[in-house]
Amino acid sequence: MLAVARGRAPRGVALKLAAAESLPLKAGWFDRAVASLVVHVLDRPRAFAEIRRVLAPHGRFVVATFDPSHMRDFWLNRFFPSMQEIDQARFAPAEALVAELREAGFAEARTMRLGQRGRMDRETALDRIRGRHISTFDLIDESEIEAGLKLAEDELPAKVEYATEWLVLVAYCSSPR
């Protein structure tokens, strides 16, 4: 990911590899921080406290993750029966995230839910499965993955329609005006 970021970053932008729970950065150094589809794999209390530490007193932290309702109708559930239960345990509800952000020292956190619909062709969907494009595949038994892939190869339609349910939080270091 760091190599990809270096290839995309404008000239003069410095990048560092670090754990969110232990940032090698000065306290109060940043005005904004963003975590996109990552908080489900972090030690959130430690990471949130560390992000709060590196934000300026007027700083903001934006979290974009899947709303737990997304797992209920996820297009891959049909092929991988354990996926829904695994992800329901990994993706925290808004109330839990807000409480964790407050515990980490954020003054306030606002939430919003967004729905998005999409469509992909059959080959793209199969390529995603074969490439194990989401981290949940690392938590599923290999026999289930093989069986799910075979089922998808047999049953996926020409176009796969899906919905994504997002949860976006904005946490403020101090109360917004």
C-alpha atoms as a PDB file:
ATOM      1  CA  MET A   1       0.000   0.000   0.000  1.00  0.00           C
ATOM      2  CA  LEU A   2       2.879   2.350   0.770  1.00  0.00           C
ATOM      3  CA  ALA A   3       4.344   1.769  -2.699  1.00  0.00           C
ATOM      4  CA  VAL A   4       0.960   2.524  -4.280  1.00  0.00           C
ATOM      5  CA  ALA A   5       0.616   5.688  -2.178  1.00  0.00           C
ATOM      6  CA  ARG A   6       4.114   6.828  -3.172  1.00  0.00           C
ATOM      7  CA  GLY A   7       3.190   6.350  -6.804  1.00  0.00           C
ATOM      8  CA  ARG A   8       0.072   8.493  -6.410  1.00  0.00           C
ATOM      9  CA  ALA A   9       1.247  11.180  -3.976  1.00  0.00           C
ATOM     10  CA  PRO A  10       2.201  14.597  -5.321  1.00  0.00           C
ATOM     11  CA  ARG A  11       5.881  15.439  -5.401  1.00  0.00           C
ATOM     12  CA  GLY A  12       7.209  16.543  -2.026  1.00  0.00           C
ATOM     13  CA  VAL A  13       4.654  14.625   0.056  1.00  0.00           C
ATOM     14  CA  ALA A  14       6.298  12.532   2.773  1.00  0.00           C
ATOM     15  CA  LEU A  15       4.822   9.177   3.729  1.00  0.00           C
ATOM     16  CA  LYS A  16       5.554   7.090   6.829  1.00  0.00           C
ATOM     17  CA  LEU A  17       4.700   3.522   7.623  1.00  0.00           C
ATOM     18  CA  ALA A  18       3.402   3.214  11.183  1.00  0.00           C
ATOM     19  CA  ALA A  19       0.800   1.487  13.306  1.00  0.00           C
ATOM     20  CA  ALA A  20      -2.251   3.621  14.088  1.00  0.00           C
ATOM     21  CA  GLU A  21      -1.862   2.638  17.741  1.00  0.00           C
ATOM     22  CA  SER A  22       1.667   4.130  17.926  1.00  0.00           C
ATOM     23  CA  LEU A  23       2.193   7.057  15.575  1.00  0.00           C
ATOM     24  CA  PRO A  24       5.733   8.462  15.252  1.00  0.00           C
ATOM     25  CA  LEU A  25       4.331  11.996  14.963  1.00  0.00           C
ATOM     26  CA  LYS A  26       4.327  15.130  17.076  1.00  0.00           C
ATOM     27  CA  ALA A  27       1.378  15.863  19.338  1.00  0.00           C
ATOM     28  CA  GLY A  28      -1.028  18.420  17.891  1.00  0.00           C
ATOM     29  CA  TRP A  29       0.688  18.372  14.500  1.00  0.00           C
ATOM     30  CA  PHE A  30      -2.311  17.746  12.231  1.00  0.00           C
ATOM     31  CA  ASP A  31      -5.599  19.507  11.600  1.00  0.00           C
ATOM     32  CA  ARG A  32      -7.359  16.508  10.060  1.00  0.00           C
ATOM     33  CA  ALA A  33      -7.110  12.707  10.003  1.00  0.00           C
ATOM     34  CA  VAL A  34      -9.070  10.146   7.985  1.00  0.00           C
ATOM     35  CA  ALA A  35      -9.542   6.414   8.509  1.00  0.00           C
ATOM     36  CA  SER A  36     -11.274   4.726   5.600  1.00  0.00           C
ATOM     37  CA  LEU A  37     -12.301   1.067   5.932  1.00  0.00           C
ATOM     38  CA  VAL A  38      -9.672   0.325   8.541  1.00  0.00           C
ATOM     39  CA  VAL A  39     -11.060   0.751  12.064  1.00  0.00           C
ATOM     40  CA  HIS A  40     -12.389  -2.825  12.089  1.00  0.00           C
ATOM     41  CA  VAL A  41      -8.803  -4.132  12.108  1.00  0.00           C
ATOM     42  CA  LEU A  42      -7.379  -1.714  14.697  1.00  0.00           C
ATOM     43  CA  ASP A  43      -7.165  -1.735  18.461  1.00  0.00           C
ATOM     44  CA  ARG A  44      -9.658   1.122  18.330  1.00  0.00           C
ATOM     45  CA  PRO A  45      -9.269   2.528  21.853  1.00  0.00           C
ATOM     46  CA  ARG A  46      -5.493   2.810  21.421  1.00  0.00           C
ATOM     47  CA  ALA A  47      -5.677   4.018  17.809  1.00  0.00           C
ATOM     48  CA  PHE A  48      -8.357   6.620  18.550  1.00  0.00           C
ATOM     49  CA  ALA A  49      -6.362   7.975  21.501  1.00  0.00           C
ATOM     50  CA  GLU A  50      -3.242   8.168  19.375  1.00  0.00           C
ATOM     51  CA  ILE A  51      -5.044   9.953  16.540  1.00  0.00           C
ATOM     52  CA  ARG A  52      -6.509  12.386  19.079  1.00  0.00           C
ATOM     53  CA  ARG A  53      -2.976  13.010  20.394  1.00  0.00           C
ATOM     54  CA  VAL A  54      -1.603  14.026  16.975  1.00  0.00           C
ATOM     55  CA  LEU A  55      -4.549  16.317  16.167  1.00  0.00           C
ATOM     56  CA  ALA A  56      -4.508  20.036  16.942  1.00  0.00           C
ATOM     57  CA  PRO A  57      -7.023  21.392  19.495  1.00  0.00           C
ATOM     58  CA  HIS A  58      -9.389  22.336  16.634  1.00  0.00           C
ATOM     59  CA  GLY A  59      -8.763  19.053  14.767  1.00  0.00           C
ATOM     60  CA  ARG A  60     -11.225  16.684  13.198  1.00  0.00           C
ATOM     61  CA  PHE A  61     -11.120  12.968  12.591  1.00  0.00           C
ATOM     62  CA  VAL A  62     -13.277  11.319   9.905  1.00  0.00           C
ATOM     63  CA  VAL A  63     -14.024   7.611  10.021  1.00  0.00           C
ATOM     64  CA  ALA A  64     -15.611   5.855   7.035  1.00  0.00           C
ATOM     65  CA  THR A  65     -16.594   2.242   7.617  1.00  0.00           C
ATOM     66  CA  PHE A  66     -19.382  -0.170   6.842  1.00  0.00           C
ATOM     67  CA  ASP A  67     -22.565   0.172   8.835  1.00  0.00           C
ATOM     68  CA  PRO A  68     -23.330  -3.179  10.497  1.00  0.00           C
ATOM     69  CA  SER A  69     -26.562  -3.310   8.456  1.00  0.00           C
ATOM     70  CA  HIS A  70     -24.368  -3.705   5.366  1.00  0.00           C
ATOM     71  CA  MET A  71     -23.426  -7.214   6.487  1.00  0.00           C
ATOM     72  CA  ARG A  72     -27.019  -8.420   6.528  1.00  0.00           C
ATOM     73  CA  ASP A  73     -27.495  -8.151   2.747  1.00  0.00           C
ATOM     74  CA  PHE A  74     -23.898  -8.376   1.520  1.00  0.00           C
ATOM     75  CA  TRP A  75     -23.789  -9.987  -1.912  1.00  0.00           C
ATOM     76  CA  LEU A  76     -21.127 -12.533  -0.875  1.00  0.00           C
ATOM     77  CA  ASN A  77     -23.092 -13.963   2.084  1.00  0.00           C
ATOM     78  CA  ARG A  78     -24.910 -16.418  -0.168  1.00  0.00           C
ATOM     79  CA  PHE A  79     -21.631 -17.999  -1.237  1.00  0.00           C
ATOM     80  CA  PHE A  80     -19.759 -17.792   2.074  1.00  0.00           C
ATOM     81  CA  PRO A  81     -22.157 -18.590   4.942  1.00  0.00           C
ATOM     82  CA  SER A  82     -19.799 -17.598   7.765  1.00  0.00           C
ATOM     83  CA  MET A  83     -19.024 -14.151   6.313  1.00  0.00           C
ATOM     84  CA  GLN A  84     -22.003 -12.343   7.839  1.00  0.00           C
ATOM     85  CA  GLU A  85     -21.328 -13.529  11.389  1.00  0.00           C
ATOM     86  CA  ILE A  86     -17.609 -12.763  11.126  1.00  0.00           C
ATOM     87  CA  ASP A  87     -18.175  -9.236   9.849  1.00  0.00           C
ATOM     88  CA  GLN A  88     -21.005  -8.473  12.254  1.00  0.00           C
ATOM     89  CA  ALA A  89     -18.461  -9.033  15.032  1.00  0.00           C
ATOM     90  CA  ARG A  90     -15.793  -6.881  13.350  1.00  0.00           C
ATOM     91  CA  PHE A  91     -17.756  -3.782  12.299  1.00  0.00           C
ATOM     92  CA  ALA A  92     -18.914  -1.817  15.327  1.00  0.00           C
ATOM     93  CA  PRO A  93     -22.224   0.043  15.417  1.00  0.00           C
ATOM     94  CA  ALA A  94     -22.264   3.846  15.488  1.00  0.00           C
ATOM     95  CA  GLU A  95     -23.039   3.999  19.208  1.00  0.00           C
ATOM     96  CA  ALA A  96     -19.966   1.922  20.105  1.00  0.00           C
ATOM     97  CA  LEU A  97     -17.688   3.979  17.861  1.00  0.00           C
ATOM     98  CA  VAL A  98     -18.986   7.261  19.281  1.00  0.00           C
ATOM     99  CA  ALA A  99     -18.409   5.992  22.837  1.00  0.00           C
ATOM    100  CA  GLU A 100     -14.869   4.898  21.955  1.00  0.00           C
ATOM    101  CA  LEU A 101     -14.113   8.267  20.358  1.00  0.00           C
ATOM    102  CA  ARG A 102     -15.372  10.080  23.463  1.00  0.00           C
ATOM    103  CA  GLU A 103     -13.251   7.805  25.677  1.00  0.00           C
ATOM    104  CA  ALA A 104     -10.237   8.690  23.511  1.00  0.00           C
ATOM    105  CA  GLY A 105     -10.727  12.387  24.264  1.00  0.00           C
ATOM    106  CA  PHE A 106     -12.823  13.664  21.395  1.00  0.00           C
ATOM    107  CA  ALA A 107     -15.325  16.287  22.519  1.00  0.00           C
ATOM    108  CA  GLU A 108     -18.075  15.270  20.144  1.00  0.00           C
ATOM    109  CA  ALA A 109     -18.758  12.834  17.307  1.00  0.00           C
ATOM    110  CA  ARG A 110     -21.460  13.083  14.693  1.00  0.00           C
ATOM    111  CA  THR A 111     -22.647  10.171  12.583  1.00  0.00           C
ATOM    112  CA  MET A 112     -24.275   9.790   9.214  1.00  0.00           C
ATOM    113  CA  ARG A 113     -25.370   6.769   7.235  1.00  0.00           C
ATOM    114  CA  LEU A 114     -25.156   6.674   3.473  1.00  0.00           C
ATOM    115  CA  GLY A 115     -26.468   4.078   1.051  1.00  0.00           C
ATOM    116  CA  GLN A 116     -24.908   3.357  -2.310  1.00  0.00           C
ATOM    117  CA  ARG A 117     -25.986   0.982  -5.054  1.00  0.00           C
ATOM    118  CA  GLY A 118     -23.701  -0.539  -7.618  1.00  0.00           C
ATOM    119  CA  ARG A 119     -23.366  -3.127 -10.308  1.00  0.00           C
ATOM    120  CA  MET A 120     -20.490  -5.189 -11.611  1.00  0.00           C
ATOM    121  CA  ASP A 121     -20.184  -7.787 -14.313  1.00  0.00           C
ATOM    122  CA  ARG A 122     -19.831 -11.462 -13.494  1.00  0.00           C
ATOM    123  CA  GLU A 123     -16.117 -11.656 -14.305  1.00  0.00           C
ATOM    124  CA  THR A 124     -15.292  -8.704 -12.056  1.00  0.00           C
ATOM    125  CA  ALA A 125     -17.221 -10.345  -9.224  1.00  0.00           C
ATOM    126  CA  LEU A 126     -15.394 -13.651  -9.752  1.00  0.00           C
ATOM    127  CA  ASP A 127     -12.034 -11.849  -9.942  1.00  0.00           C
ATOM    128  CA  ARG A 128     -12.796 -10.210  -6.584  1.00  0.00           C
ATOM    129  CA  ILE A 129     -13.563 -13.571  -5.013  1.00  0.00           C
ATOM    130  CA  ARG A 130     -10.497 -15.245  -6.532  1.00  0.00           C
ATOM    131  CA  GLY A 131      -8.328 -12.320  -5.416  1.00  0.00           C
ATOM    132  CA  ARG A 132      -9.859 -12.418  -1.926  1.00  0.00           C
ATOM    133  CA  HIS A 133     -10.395  -8.693  -2.162  1.00  0.00           C
ATOM    134  CA  ILE A 134     -11.562  -8.178   1.424  1.00  0.00           C
ATOM    135  CA  SER A 135      -9.814  -9.107   4.666  1.00  0.00           C
ATOM    136  CA  THR A 136     -12.716 -11.292   5.794  1.00  0.00           C
ATOM    137  CA  PHE A 137     -11.475 -13.996   3.422  1.00  0.00           C
ATOM    138  CA  ASP A 138      -8.448 -14.372   5.735  1.00  0.00           C
ATOM    139  CA  LEU A 139     -10.851 -15.432   8.502  1.00  0.00           C
ATOM    140  CA  ILE A 140     -12.816 -18.029   6.531  1.00  0.00           C
ATOM    141  CA  ASP A 141     -11.880 -21.690   6.311  1.00  0.00           C
ATOM    142  CA  GLU A 142     -10.238 -22.638   3.009  1.00  0.00           C
ATOM    143  CA  SER A 143     -12.836 -25.338   2.281  1.00  0.00           C
ATOM    144  CA  GLU A 144     -15.631 -22.744   2.579  1.00  0.00           C
ATOM    145  CA  ILE A 145     -13.784 -20.434   0.191  1.00  0.00           C
ATOM    146  CA  GLU A 146     -13.348 -23.216  -2.370  1.00  0.00           C
ATOM    147  CA  ALA A 147     -17.007 -24.244  -2.106  1.00  0.00           C
ATOM    148  CA  GLY A 148     -18.187 -20.623  -2.284  1.00  0.00           C
ATOM    149  CA  LEU A 149     -16.084 -19.909  -5.354  1.00  0.00           C
ATOM    150  CA  LYS A 150     -17.469 -23.000  -7.096  1.00  0.00           C
ATOM    151  CA  LEU A 151     -21.030 -21.948  -6.233  1.00  0.00           C
ATOM    152  CA  ALA A 152     -20.365 -18.407  -7.496  1.00  0.00           C
ATOM    153  CA  GLU A 153     -18.880 -19.763 -10.739  1.00  0.00           C
ATOM    154  CA  ASP A 154     -22.027 -21.848 -11.225  1.00  0.00           C
ATOM    155  CA  GLU A 155     -24.669 -19.333 -10.150  1.00  0.00           C
ATOM    156  CA  LEU A 156     -23.554 -15.711 -10.510  1.00  0.00           C
ATOM    157  CA  PRO A 157     -25.657 -13.795 -13.040  1.00  0.00           C
ATOM    158  CA  ALA A 158     -24.138 -11.722 -15.863  1.00  0.00           C
ATOM    159  CA  LYS A 159     -24.605  -8.580 -13.750  1.00  0.00           C
ATOM    160  CA  VAL A 160     -24.245  -8.533  -9.975  1.00  0.00           C
ATOM    161  CA  GLU A 161     -26.160  -5.768  -8.250  1.00  0.00           C
ATOM    162  CA  TYR A 162     -25.169  -4.821  -4.724  1.00  0.00           C
ATOM    163  CA  ALA A 163     -25.786  -2.228  -2.038  1.00  0.00           C
ATOM    164  CA  THR A 164     -23.230  -0.670   0.273  1.00  0.00           C
ATOM    165  CA  GLU A 165     -24.308   0.808   3.589  1.00  0.00           C
ATOM    166  CA  TRP A 166     -21.727   3.286   4.886  1.00  0.00           C
ATOM    167  CA  LEU A 167     -21.264   4.709   8.340  1.00  0.00           C
ATOM    168  CA  VAL A 168     -19.387   8.011   8.454  1.00  0.00           C
ATOM    169  CA  LEU A 169     -18.337   9.648  11.715  1.00  0.00           C
ATOM    170  CA  VAL A 170     -16.799  13.060  12.240  1.00  0.00           C
ATOM    171  CA  ALA A 171     -15.105  13.424  15.612  1.00  0.00           C
ATOM    172  CA  TYR A 172     -14.160  16.881  16.903  1.00  0.00           C
ATOM    173  CA  CYS A 173     -11.298  17.578  19.267  1.00  0.00           C
ATOM    174  CA  SER A 174     -13.285  20.533  20.615  1.00  0.00           C
ATOM    175  CA  SER A 175     -16.965  21.325  20.247  1.00  0.00           C
ATOM    176  CA  PRO A 176     -17.756  22.665  16.751  1.00  0.00           C
ATOM    177  CA  ARG A 177     -19.162  26.161  16.558  1.00  0.00           C
END
